[in-house]
Amino acid sequence: MNYTHLTQDERYQIYILLKAGHHQNEIARLMKRHPSTICRELARNRGQRGYRPKQAQHLCEGRAELSRNALRIEPAVWAAAQKRLREQHSPEQVAAQLPVSHETLYQHIYADKLQGGDLWRNLRCQKQRRKRYASGQQRRGRIPNRRPLADRPASVETRCRVGHWEGDTIIGAGHKQALVSLVERKSGYCLLAHVSHKTSEAVSQAIIRSLMPIKARVSTLTFDNGLEFARHGEIDLALGSTSFFADPYASWQRGTNENTNGLVRQYLPKSRAFTTVTSEEIAMIMHRLNHRPRKRLNWKTPHEVFMQSFNRVALRT
């Protein structure tokens, strides 16, 4: 038997039968409809206040209208776009790589959502300002030999060369374990390291381990005022770097790091306890973030820009 869409009258019948206490299978039998039709109708067109026939009709008509008006996109291009979207590339980043506009991608993502798809879940949503959970005593603690941001060379602000890093920690749910987040300012290249305890010893060791293989590309480090960075002297001694500290409560002075932490939260939300995070998962997150094309890099990836700095040195020698 050929499938036919439910009519508005049938939607009123469903509403009345639901109010009378009938189950989905009973409604399907009484209306001579397949049970999956009723199940799909209730799943797709039920609102926050329950199933209402007028609202259900509007939702159905809206999907049909959007499907008719959606800008066309070649199947192969859409397949490639979906793959990148599921890797959390933004529509703008996808449009820079494929022959399709970001407006078209947004339309198709929305149409997919109305059809019950989940592509929209890969879009970035606006994040609330990240709260600090350190105790008052810790926040007031003094960092020995602290260099203020005002002493940092002005050239760092221009992002004209690779080698200037920002550092922070990302805390798991229940304040159990953390990630050390390091981001290079010019390229946006990021490194993540898992620590079991947010102590100055654990954090300093994680930073040294992460940056030692590329210490030739580490000139300065800029941290916030958390006591986990109190051993900055040991870090500088190991890496040959110079560490600076942002002003208290001025996260915008480390904007590159703050933005990257927001991207990491796409994969590790605040509800996630980091006790379950694996090294493979951390490597996957770094790979995805470092291989996303960025608008400010003329749609190059952080990995490309960072590695080009090594190539330039090789050409000069």
C-alpha atoms as a PDB file:
ATOM      1  CA  MET A   1       0.000   0.000   0.000  1.00  0.00           C
ATOM      2  CA  ASN A   2       1.359   3.409  -0.999  1.00  0.00           C
ATOM      3  CA  TYR A   3       2.150   5.804   1.837  1.00  0.00           C
ATOM      4  CA  THR A   4       0.084   9.014   2.064  1.00  0.00           C
ATOM      5  CA  HIS A   5       0.791  11.921   4.387  1.00  0.00           C
ATOM      6  CA  LEU A   6      -1.478  12.524   7.332  1.00  0.00           C
ATOM      7  CA  THR A   7      -4.112  15.195   6.794  1.00  0.00           C
ATOM      8  CA  GLN A   8      -5.056  17.930   9.240  1.00  0.00           C
ATOM      9  CA  ASP A   9      -8.310  16.079  10.014  1.00  0.00           C
ATOM     10  CA  GLU A  10      -6.330  12.952  10.851  1.00  0.00           C
ATOM     11  CA  ARG A  11      -4.129  14.961  13.185  1.00  0.00           C
ATOM     12  CA  TYR A  12      -7.240  16.114  15.064  1.00  0.00           C
ATOM     13  CA  GLN A  13      -8.312  12.454  15.285  1.00  0.00           C
ATOM     14  CA  ILE A  14      -4.941  11.538  16.797  1.00  0.00           C
ATOM     15  CA  TYR A  15      -5.313  14.368  19.328  1.00  0.00           C
ATOM     16  CA  ILE A  16      -8.802  13.245  20.371  1.00  0.00           C
ATOM     17  CA  LEU A  17      -7.797   9.586  20.665  1.00  0.00           C
ATOM     18  CA  LEU A  18      -4.748  10.483  22.757  1.00  0.00           C
ATOM     19  CA  LYS A  19      -6.942  12.534  25.092  1.00  0.00           C
ATOM     20  CA  ALA A  20      -9.265   9.529  25.389  1.00  0.00           C
ATOM     21  CA  GLY A  21      -6.343   7.442  26.657  1.00  0.00           C
ATOM     22  CA  HIS A  22      -5.686   5.274  23.605  1.00  0.00           C
ATOM     23  CA  HIS A  23      -2.167   3.960  22.974  1.00  0.00           C
ATOM     24  CA  GLN A  24      -0.314   4.422  19.682  1.00  0.00           C
ATOM     25  CA  ASN A  25      -1.075   0.930  18.358  1.00  0.00           C
ATOM     26  CA  GLU A  26      -4.784   1.359  19.157  1.00  0.00           C
ATOM     27  CA  ILE A  27      -4.822   4.729  17.380  1.00  0.00           C
ATOM     28  CA  ALA A  28      -3.173   3.176  14.326  1.00  0.00           C
ATOM     29  CA  ARG A  29      -5.749   0.355  14.253  1.00  0.00           C
ATOM     30  CA  LEU A  30      -8.740   2.706  14.646  1.00  0.00           C
ATOM     31  CA  MET A  31      -7.430   5.052  11.932  1.00  0.00           C
ATOM     32  CA  LYS A  32      -6.338   2.202   9.631  1.00  0.00           C
ATOM     33  CA  ARG A  33      -2.793   3.531   9.621  1.00  0.00           C
ATOM     34  CA  HIS A  34       0.483   1.694  10.099  1.00  0.00           C
ATOM     35  CA  PRO A  35       1.762   1.940  13.705  1.00  0.00           C
ATOM     36  CA  SER A  36       5.062   3.427  12.474  1.00  0.00           C
ATOM     37  CA  THR A  37       3.133   6.319  10.891  1.00  0.00           C
ATOM     38  CA  ILE A  38       1.571   7.269  14.225  1.00  0.00           C
ATOM     39  CA  CYS A  39       4.859   6.747  16.066  1.00  0.00           C
ATOM     40  CA  ARG A  40       6.732   8.958  13.592  1.00  0.00           C
ATOM     41  CA  GLU A  41       4.031  11.642  13.741  1.00  0.00           C
ATOM     42  CA  LEU A  42       4.192  11.875  17.521  1.00  0.00           C
ATOM     43  CA  ALA A  43       7.993  11.842  17.572  1.00  0.00           C
ATOM     44  CA  ARG A  44       8.416  14.592  14.987  1.00  0.00           C
ATOM     45  CA  ASN A  45       5.473  16.877  15.639  1.00  0.00           C
ATOM     46  CA  ARG A  46       4.990  16.794  19.388  1.00  0.00           C
ATOM     47  CA  GLY A  47       5.741  20.126  21.104  1.00  0.00           C
ATOM     48  CA  GLN A  48       6.752  20.957  24.659  1.00  0.00           C
ATOM     49  CA  ARG A  49       3.070  21.085  25.655  1.00  0.00           C
ATOM     50  CA  GLY A  50       2.305  17.726  24.119  1.00  0.00           C
ATOM     51  CA  TYR A  51       0.746  16.821  20.782  1.00  0.00           C
ATOM     52  CA  ARG A  52      -1.446  19.578  19.339  1.00  0.00           C
ATOM     53  CA  PRO A  53      -2.955  19.106  15.856  1.00  0.00           C
ATOM     54  CA  LYS A  54      -2.636  22.701  14.657  1.00  0.00           C
ATOM     55  CA  GLN A  55       1.002  22.923  15.693  1.00  0.00           C
ATOM     56  CA  ALA A  56       1.714  19.506  14.151  1.00  0.00           C
ATOM     57  CA  GLN A  57       0.236  20.646  10.837  1.00  0.00           C
ATOM     58  CA  HIS A  58       2.367  23.810  10.850  1.00  0.00           C
ATOM     59  CA  LEU A  59       5.527  21.822  11.569  1.00  0.00           C
ATOM     60  CA  CYS A  60       4.789  19.428   8.725  1.00  0.00           C
ATOM     61  CA  GLU A  61       4.044  22.247   6.266  1.00  0.00           C
ATOM     62  CA  GLY A  62       7.176  24.093   7.374  1.00  0.00           C
ATOM     63  CA  ARG A  63       9.376  21.099   6.610  1.00  0.00           C
ATOM     64  CA  ALA A  64       7.803  20.687   3.200  1.00  0.00           C
ATOM     65  CA  GLU A  65       8.275  24.382   2.386  1.00  0.00           C
ATOM     66  CA  LEU A  66      11.881  24.357   3.529  1.00  0.00           C
ATOM     67  CA  SER A  67      12.584  21.251   1.476  1.00  0.00           C
ATOM     68  CA  ARG A  68      11.142  22.925  -1.640  1.00  0.00           C
ATOM     69  CA  ASN A  69      13.027  26.172  -1.115  1.00  0.00           C
ATOM     70  CA  ALA A  70      16.367  24.826   0.082  1.00  0.00           C
ATOM     71  CA  LEU A  71      19.264  25.794  -2.164  1.00  0.00           C
ATOM     72  CA  ARG A  72      20.452  22.909  -4.279  1.00  0.00           C
ATOM     73  CA  ILE A  73      23.710  21.150  -3.479  1.00  0.00           C
ATOM     74  CA  GLU A  74      25.390  18.328  -5.373  1.00  0.00           C
ATOM     75  CA  PRO A  75      25.117  14.968  -3.554  1.00  0.00           C
ATOM     76  CA  ALA A  76      28.887  14.435  -3.563  1.00  0.00           C
ATOM     77  CA  VAL A  77      29.482  17.913  -2.156  1.00  0.00           C
ATOM     78  CA  TRP A  78      26.826  17.406   0.528  1.00  0.00           C
ATOM     79  CA  ALA A  79      28.367  14.070   1.505  1.00  0.00           C
ATOM     80  CA  ALA A  80      31.795  15.690   1.871  1.00  0.00           C
ATOM     81  CA  ALA A  81      30.268  18.600   3.780  1.00  0.00           C
ATOM     82  CA  GLN A  82      28.497  16.275   6.215  1.00  0.00           C
ATOM     83  CA  LYS A  83      31.780  14.499   6.951  1.00  0.00           C
ATOM     84  CA  ARG A  84      33.485  17.785   7.816  1.00  0.00           C
ATOM     85  CA  LEU A  85      30.507  19.047   9.819  1.00  0.00           C
ATOM     86  CA  ARG A  86      30.588  15.890  11.932  1.00  0.00           C
ATOM     87  CA  GLU A  87      34.238  16.684  12.648  1.00  0.00           C
ATOM     88  CA  GLN A  88      32.951  19.979  14.110  1.00  0.00           C
ATOM     89  CA  HIS A  89      34.095  22.173  11.232  1.00  0.00           C
ATOM     90  CA  SER A  90      31.893  25.254  11.048  1.00  0.00           C
ATOM     91  CA  PRO A  91      29.826  25.891   7.871  1.00  0.00           C
ATOM     92  CA  GLU A  92      32.172  28.794   7.088  1.00  0.00           C
ATOM     93  CA  GLN A  93      35.189  26.487   7.324  1.00  0.00           C
ATOM     94  CA  VAL A  94      33.504  23.869   5.129  1.00  0.00           C
ATOM     95  CA  ALA A  95      32.521  26.495   2.549  1.00  0.00           C
ATOM     96  CA  ALA A  96      36.157  27.571   2.290  1.00  0.00           C
ATOM     97  CA  GLN A  97      37.086  24.038   1.172  1.00  0.00           C
ATOM     98  CA  LEU A  98      34.096  22.984  -0.948  1.00  0.00           C
ATOM     99  CA  PRO A  99      32.107  24.598  -3.804  1.00  0.00           C
ATOM    100  CA  VAL A 100      29.141  25.592  -1.638  1.00  0.00           C
ATOM    101  CA  SER A 101      28.191  28.697   0.358  1.00  0.00           C
ATOM    102  CA  HIS A 102      27.845  28.659   4.125  1.00  0.00           C
ATOM    103  CA  GLU A 103      24.259  29.976   3.747  1.00  0.00           C
ATOM    104  CA  THR A 104      23.367  26.869   1.742  1.00  0.00           C
ATOM    105  CA  LEU A 105      24.949  24.648   4.372  1.00  0.00           C
ATOM    106  CA  TYR A 106      22.987  26.305   7.165  1.00  0.00           C
ATOM    107  CA  GLN A 107      19.749  25.766   5.213  1.00  0.00           C
ATOM    108  CA  HIS A 108      20.482  22.087   4.707  1.00  0.00           C
ATOM    109  CA  ILE A 109      21.510  21.617   8.335  1.00  0.00           C
ATOM    110  CA  TYR A 110      18.227  23.174   9.434  1.00  0.00           C
ATOM    111  CA  ALA A 111      16.268  21.030   6.982  1.00  0.00           C
ATOM    112  CA  ASP A 112      18.081  17.963   8.316  1.00  0.00           C
ATOM    113  CA  LYS A 113      17.095  18.940  11.864  1.00  0.00           C
ATOM    114  CA  LEU A 114      13.427  19.279  10.921  1.00  0.00           C
ATOM    115  CA  GLN A 115      13.606  15.811   9.407  1.00  0.00           C
ATOM    116  CA  GLY A 116      14.900  14.437  12.698  1.00  0.00           C
ATOM    117  CA  GLY A 117      18.612  14.568  11.828  1.00  0.00           C
ATOM    118  CA  ASP A 118      21.404  15.463  14.223  1.00  0.00           C
ATOM    119  CA  LEU A 119      23.838  17.497  12.103  1.00  0.00           C
ATOM    120  CA  TRP A 120      22.867  20.634  14.023  1.00  0.00           C
ATOM    121  CA  ARG A 121      24.394  19.145  17.163  1.00  0.00           C
ATOM    122  CA  ASN A 122      27.839  19.636  15.615  1.00  0.00           C
ATOM    123  CA  LEU A 123      27.374  23.395  15.320  1.00  0.00           C
ATOM    124  CA  ARG A 124      29.076  25.557  17.885  1.00  0.00           C
ATOM    125  CA  CYS A 125      26.778  27.318  20.288  1.00  0.00           C
ATOM    126  CA  GLN A 126      27.597  30.496  22.132  1.00  0.00           C
ATOM    127  CA  LYS A 127      29.384  29.664  25.327  1.00  0.00           C
ATOM    128  CA  GLN A 128      28.796  31.360  28.638  1.00  0.00           C
ATOM    129  CA  ARG A 129      31.814  32.971  30.199  1.00  0.00           C
ATOM    130  CA  ARG A 130      33.773  30.260  31.935  1.00  0.00           C
ATOM    131  CA  LYS A 131      33.611  30.519  35.710  1.00  0.00           C
ATOM    132  CA  ARG A 132      36.581  30.089  37.977  1.00  0.00           C
ATOM    133  CA  TYR A 133      36.176  27.618  40.778  1.00  0.00           C
ATOM    134  CA  ALA A 134      39.442  28.128  42.624  1.00  0.00           C
ATOM    135  CA  SER A 135      39.105  28.995  46.280  1.00  0.00           C
ATOM    136  CA  GLY A 136      39.499  32.541  47.494  1.00  0.00           C
ATOM    137  CA  GLN A 137      42.724  31.628  49.240  1.00  0.00           C
ATOM    138  CA  GLN A 138      44.149  30.169  46.045  1.00  0.00           C
ATOM    139  CA  ARG A 139      43.096  33.141  43.934  1.00  0.00           C
ATOM    140  CA  ARG A 140      44.777  35.521  46.384  1.00  0.00           C
ATOM    141  CA  GLY A 141      47.934  33.425  46.566  1.00  0.00           C
ATOM    142  CA  ARG A 142      51.115  35.040  45.377  1.00  0.00           C
ATOM    143  CA  ILE A 143      53.152  33.607  42.511  1.00  0.00           C
ATOM    144  CA  PRO A 144      56.877  33.976  43.201  1.00  0.00           C
ATOM    145  CA  ASN A 145      58.893  36.073  40.719  1.00  0.00           C
ATOM    146  CA  ARG A 146      55.759  36.831  38.730  1.00  0.00           C
ATOM    147  CA  ARG A 147      56.356  38.879  35.545  1.00  0.00           C
ATOM    148  CA  PRO A 148      53.342  41.070  34.678  1.00  0.00           C
ATOM    149  CA  LEU A 149      51.975  41.188  31.157  1.00  0.00           C
ATOM    150  CA  ALA A 150      53.101  44.808  30.894  1.00  0.00           C
ATOM    151  CA  ASP A 151      56.700  43.542  30.759  1.00  0.00           C
ATOM    152  CA  ARG A 152      56.035  41.253  27.793  1.00  0.00           C
ATOM    153  CA  PRO A 153      57.600  42.477  24.516  1.00  0.00           C
ATOM    154  CA  ALA A 154      55.134  44.438  22.398  1.00  0.00           C
ATOM    155  CA  SER A 155      56.039  42.304  19.374  1.00  0.00           C
ATOM    156  CA  VAL A 156      54.197  39.353  20.933  1.00  0.00           C
ATOM    157  CA  GLU A 157      50.908  41.179  20.450  1.00  0.00           C
ATOM    158  CA  THR A 158      51.417  41.450  16.679  1.00  0.00           C
ATOM    159  CA  ARG A 159      51.393  37.661  16.121  1.00  0.00           C
ATOM    160  CA  CYS A 160      54.038  38.161  13.443  1.00  0.00           C
ATOM    161  CA  ARG A 161      56.089  35.094  14.365  1.00  0.00           C
ATOM    162  CA  VAL A 162      55.544  31.640  15.797  1.00  0.00           C
ATOM    163  CA  GLY A 163      56.799  30.967  19.310  1.00  0.00           C
ATOM    164  CA  HIS A 164      54.550  32.799  21.744  1.00  0.00           C
ATOM    165  CA  TRP A 165      52.214  30.569  23.748  1.00  0.00           C
ATOM    166  CA  GLU A 166      49.284  30.965  26.117  1.00  0.00           C
ATOM    167  CA  GLY A 167      48.523  28.413  28.839  1.00  0.00           C
ATOM    168  CA  ASP A 168      45.547  27.508  31.007  1.00  0.00           C
ATOM    169  CA  THR A 169      43.854  24.554  32.682  1.00  0.00           C
ATOM    170  CA  ILE A 170      40.441  23.059  31.868  1.00  0.00           C
ATOM    171  CA  ILE A 171      38.717  21.405  34.807  1.00  0.00           C
ATOM    172  CA  GLY A 172      36.592  18.254  34.653  1.00  0.00           C
ATOM    173  CA  ALA A 173      33.265  17.734  36.398  1.00  0.00           C
ATOM    174  CA  GLY A 174      33.518  17.561  40.165  1.00  0.00           C
ATOM    175  CA  HIS A 175      36.939  19.238  39.930  1.00  0.00           C
ATOM    176  CA  LYS A 176      38.421  15.790  39.350  1.00  0.00           C
ATOM    177  CA  GLN A 177      41.509  15.956  37.152  1.00  0.00           C
ATOM    178  CA  ALA A 178      42.232  18.552  34.481  1.00  0.00           C
ATOM    179  CA  LEU A 179      43.693  19.256  31.066  1.00  0.00           C
ATOM    180  CA  VAL A 180      46.596  21.614  30.528  1.00  0.00           C
ATOM    181  CA  SER A 181      45.801  23.685  27.444  1.00  0.00           C
ATOM    182  CA  LEU A 182      48.628  25.338  25.455  1.00  0.00           C
ATOM    183  CA  VAL A 183      48.009  27.445  22.343  1.00  0.00           C
ATOM    184  CA  GLU A 184      50.494  29.149  20.038  1.00  0.00           C
ATOM    185  CA  ARG A 185      49.300  32.703  19.364  1.00  0.00           C
ATOM    186  CA  LYS A 186      50.087  33.152  15.664  1.00  0.00           C
ATOM    187  CA  SER A 187      49.022  29.751  14.333  1.00  0.00           C
ATOM    188  CA  GLY A 188      46.426  28.699  16.906  1.00  0.00           C
ATOM    189  CA  TYR A 189      48.241  25.361  17.159  1.00  0.00           C
ATOM    190  CA  CYS A 190      47.173  23.688  20.398  1.00  0.00           C
ATOM    191  CA  LEU A 191      48.520  21.018  22.706  1.00  0.00           C
ATOM    192  CA  LEU A 192      46.559  19.270  25.457  1.00  0.00           C
ATOM    193  CA  ALA A 193      47.923  17.288  28.381  1.00  0.00           C
ATOM    194  CA  HIS A 194      45.987  15.326  30.990  1.00  0.00           C
ATOM    195  CA  VAL A 195      46.922  15.789  34.662  1.00  0.00           C
ATOM    196  CA  SER A 196      45.532  13.815  37.592  1.00  0.00           C
ATOM    197  CA  HIS A 197      45.958  16.726  40.010  1.00  0.00           C
ATOM    198  CA  LYS A 198      45.949  20.472  39.366  1.00  0.00           C
ATOM    199  CA  THR A 199      49.110  21.048  41.370  1.00  0.00           C
ATOM    200  CA  SER A 200      51.971  23.279  40.311  1.00  0.00           C
ATOM    201  CA  GLU A 201      54.263  20.243  40.103  1.00  0.00           C
ATOM    202  CA  ALA A 202      51.917  18.204  37.877  1.00  0.00           C
ATOM    203  CA  VAL A 203      51.092  21.165  35.640  1.00  0.00           C
ATOM    204  CA  SER A 204      54.700  22.308  35.189  1.00  0.00           C
ATOM    205  CA  GLN A 205      55.805  18.772  34.291  1.00  0.00           C
ATOM    206  CA  ALA A 206      52.966  18.454  31.774  1.00  0.00           C
ATOM    207  CA  ILE A 207      53.928  21.754  30.124  1.00  0.00           C
ATOM    208  CA  ILE A 208      57.595  20.775  29.890  1.00  0.00           C
ATOM    209  CA  ARG A 209      56.745  17.337  28.432  1.00  0.00           C
ATOM    210  CA  SER A 210      54.418  18.871  25.851  1.00  0.00           C
ATOM    211  CA  LEU A 211      56.709  21.659  24.658  1.00  0.00           C
ATOM    212  CA  MET A 212      60.153  20.060  24.989  1.00  0.00           C
ATOM    213  CA  PRO A 213      60.015  18.388  21.520  1.00  0.00           C
ATOM    214  CA  ILE A 214      59.351  21.814  19.947  1.00  0.00           C
ATOM    215  CA  LYS A 215      61.288  24.036  22.384  1.00  0.00           C
ATOM    216  CA  ALA A 216      62.852  25.829  19.404  1.00  0.00           C
ATOM    217  CA  ARG A 217      59.377  27.288  18.857  1.00  0.00           C
ATOM    218  CA  VAL A 218      58.845  28.416  22.457  1.00  0.00           C
ATOM    219  CA  SER A 219      59.905  31.988  23.229  1.00  0.00           C
ATOM    220  CA  THR A 220      57.291  33.219  25.705  1.00  0.00           C
ATOM    221  CA  LEU A 221      54.457  31.755  27.753  1.00  0.00           C
ATOM    222  CA  THR A 222      51.510  33.735  29.112  1.00  0.00           C
ATOM    223  CA  PHE A 223      49.459  32.307  31.990  1.00  0.00           C
ATOM    224  CA  ASP A 224      46.654  33.420  34.247  1.00  0.00           C
ATOM    225  CA  ASN A 225      47.241  33.824  37.980  1.00  0.00           C
ATOM    226  CA  GLY A 226      46.337  30.336  39.157  1.00  0.00           C
ATOM    227  CA  LEU A 227      48.837  28.842  41.575  1.00  0.00           C
ATOM    228  CA  GLU A 228      49.163  25.800  39.302  1.00  0.00           C
ATOM    229  CA  PHE A 229      51.602  27.976  37.293  1.00  0.00           C
ATOM    230  CA  ALA A 230      53.723  28.900  40.319  1.00  0.00           C
ATOM    231  CA  ARG A 231      56.651  26.813  39.020  1.00  0.00           C
ATOM    232  CA  HIS A 232      57.052  28.950  35.917  1.00  0.00           C
ATOM    233  CA  GLY A 233      60.749  29.327  36.737  1.00  0.00           C
ATOM    234  CA  GLU A 234      61.292  25.587  36.276  1.00  0.00           C
ATOM    235  CA  ILE A 235      59.378  25.709  32.998  1.00  0.00           C
ATOM    236  CA  ASP A 236      61.497  28.597  31.682  1.00  0.00           C
ATOM    237  CA  LEU A 237      64.719  26.885  32.751  1.00  0.00           C
ATOM    238  CA  ALA A 238      63.788  23.684  30.913  1.00  0.00           C
ATOM    239  CA  LEU A 239      62.488  25.342  27.747  1.00  0.00           C
ATOM    240  CA  GLY A 240      64.631  28.480  27.555  1.00  0.00           C
ATOM    241  CA  SER A 241      61.448  30.559  27.581  1.00  0.00           C
ATOM    242  CA  THR A 242      60.176  33.584  29.497  1.00  0.00           C
ATOM    243  CA  SER A 243      56.835  33.411  31.299  1.00  0.00           C
ATOM    244  CA  PHE A 244      54.420  36.288  31.870  1.00  0.00           C
ATOM    245  CA  PHE A 245      51.142  36.572  33.747  1.00  0.00           C
ATOM    246  CA  ALA A 246      47.939  38.295  32.673  1.00  0.00           C
ATOM    247  CA  ASP A 247      46.269  40.806  34.946  1.00  0.00           C
ATOM    248  CA  PRO A 248      43.818  39.329  37.477  1.00  0.00           C
ATOM    249  CA  TYR A 249      40.308  38.748  36.064  1.00  0.00           C
ATOM    250  CA  ALA A 250      41.406  39.780  32.555  1.00  0.00           C
ATOM    251  CA  SER A 251      40.843  36.595  30.551  1.00  0.00           C
ATOM    252  CA  TRP A 252      40.633  38.667  27.346  1.00  0.00           C
ATOM    253  CA  GLN A 253      44.406  39.151  27.614  1.00  0.00           C
ATOM    254  CA  ARG A 254      44.687  35.447  26.776  1.00  0.00           C
ATOM    255  CA  GLY A 255      41.931  35.440  24.168  1.00  0.00           C
ATOM    256  CA  THR A 256      43.520  32.779  21.969  1.00  0.00           C
ATOM    257  CA  ASN A 257      43.612  30.336  24.871  1.00  0.00           C
ATOM    258  CA  GLU A 258      40.106  31.175  26.075  1.00  0.00           C
ATOM    259  CA  ASN A 259      38.691  30.608  22.583  1.00  0.00           C
ATOM    260  CA  THR A 260      40.511  27.293  22.212  1.00  0.00           C
ATOM    261  CA  ASN A 261      39.228  26.111  25.584  1.00  0.00           C
ATOM    262  CA  GLY A 262      35.718  26.793  24.311  1.00  0.00           C
ATOM    263  CA  LEU A 263      36.420  24.595  21.284  1.00  0.00           C
ATOM    264  CA  VAL A 264      37.709  21.809  23.527  1.00  0.00           C
ATOM    265  CA  ARG A 265      34.450  21.983  25.480  1.00  0.00           C
ATOM    266  CA  GLN A 266      32.640  20.855  22.321  1.00  0.00           C
ATOM    267  CA  TYR A 267      34.185  17.460  22.957  1.00  0.00           C
ATOM    268  CA  LEU A 268      34.551  17.560  26.745  1.00  0.00           C
ATOM    269  CA  PRO A 269      31.549  19.404  28.219  1.00  0.00           C
ATOM    270  CA  LYS A 270      31.561  20.674  31.776  1.00  0.00           C
ATOM    271  CA  SER A 271      29.428  17.705  32.797  1.00  0.00           C
ATOM    272  CA  ARG A 272      32.204  15.268  31.795  1.00  0.00           C
ATOM    273  CA  ALA A 273      34.506  13.884  34.481  1.00  0.00           C
ATOM    274  CA  PHE A 274      38.057  13.762  33.131  1.00  0.00           C
ATOM    275  CA  THR A 275      38.730  10.505  34.963  1.00  0.00           C
ATOM    276  CA  THR A 276      37.243   8.789  31.905  1.00  0.00           C
ATOM    277  CA  VAL A 277      39.223  10.726  29.289  1.00  0.00           C
ATOM    278  CA  THR A 278      41.707   8.571  27.374  1.00  0.00           C
ATOM    279  CA  SER A 279      44.954   9.566  25.681  1.00  0.00           C
ATOM    280  CA  GLU A 280      43.424   8.502  22.352  1.00  0.00           C
ATOM    281  CA  GLU A 281      40.521  10.888  22.890  1.00  0.00           C
ATOM    282  CA  ILE A 282      42.866  13.771  23.704  1.00  0.00           C
ATOM    283  CA  ALA A 283      44.927  13.027  20.583  1.00  0.00           C
ATOM    284  CA  MET A 284      41.738  13.017  18.491  1.00  0.00           C
ATOM    285  CA  ILE A 285      40.671  16.412  19.869  1.00  0.00           C
ATOM    286  CA  MET A 286      44.088  17.949  19.165  1.00  0.00           C
ATOM    287  CA  HIS A 287      44.094  16.529  15.639  1.00  0.00           C
ATOM    288  CA  ARG A 288      40.654  17.911  14.854  1.00  0.00           C
ATOM    289  CA  LEU A 289      41.352  21.377  16.250  1.00  0.00           C
ATOM    290  CA  ASN A 290      44.771  21.646  14.598  1.00  0.00           C
ATOM    291  CA  HIS A 291      43.426  20.544  11.213  1.00  0.00           C
ATOM    292  CA  ARG A 292      40.406  22.851  11.061  1.00  0.00           C
ATOM    293  CA  PRO A 293      40.854  25.679   8.539  1.00  0.00           C
ATOM    294  CA  ARG A 294      40.635  29.099  10.212  1.00  0.00           C
ATOM    295  CA  LYS A 295      39.313  32.282   8.685  1.00  0.00           C
ATOM    296  CA  ARG A 296      41.980  34.443  10.352  1.00  0.00           C
ATOM    297  CA  LEU A 297      44.645  32.196   8.782  1.00  0.00           C
ATOM    298  CA  ASN A 298      43.192  32.683   5.282  1.00  0.00           C
ATOM    299  CA  TRP A 299      41.601  29.251   5.647  1.00  0.00           C
ATOM    300  CA  LYS A 300      44.847  27.481   6.366  1.00  0.00           C
ATOM    301  CA  THR A 301      44.938  25.123   9.324  1.00  0.00           C
ATOM    302  CA  PRO A 302      46.884  25.781  12.546  1.00  0.00           C
ATOM    303  CA  HIS A 303      48.996  22.723  11.719  1.00  0.00           C
ATOM    304  CA  GLU A 304      49.939  24.143   8.320  1.00  0.00           C
ATOM    305  CA  VAL A 305      50.912  27.560   9.689  1.00  0.00           C
ATOM    306  CA  PHE A 306      52.862  26.113  12.607  1.00  0.00           C
ATOM    307  CA  MET A 307      54.801  23.653  10.439  1.00  0.00           C
ATOM    308  CA  GLN A 308      55.593  26.364   7.877  1.00  0.00           C
ATOM    309  CA  SER A 309      57.712  28.085  10.534  1.00  0.00           C
ATOM    310  CA  PHE A 310      60.029  25.059  10.565  1.00  0.00           C
ATOM    311  CA  ASN A 311      60.206  25.019   6.769  1.00  0.00           C
ATOM    312  CA  ARG A 312      61.245  28.683   6.637  1.00  0.00           C
ATOM    313  CA  VAL A 313      64.104  28.023   9.035  1.00  0.00           C
ATOM    314  CA  ALA A 314      65.221  25.069   6.905  1.00  0.00           C
ATOM    315  CA  LEU A 315      65.231  27.268   3.793  1.00  0.00           C
ATOM    316  CA  ARG A 316      67.388  29.920   5.497  1.00  0.00           C
ATOM    317  CA  THR A 317      70.022  27.425   6.691  1.00  0.00           C
END
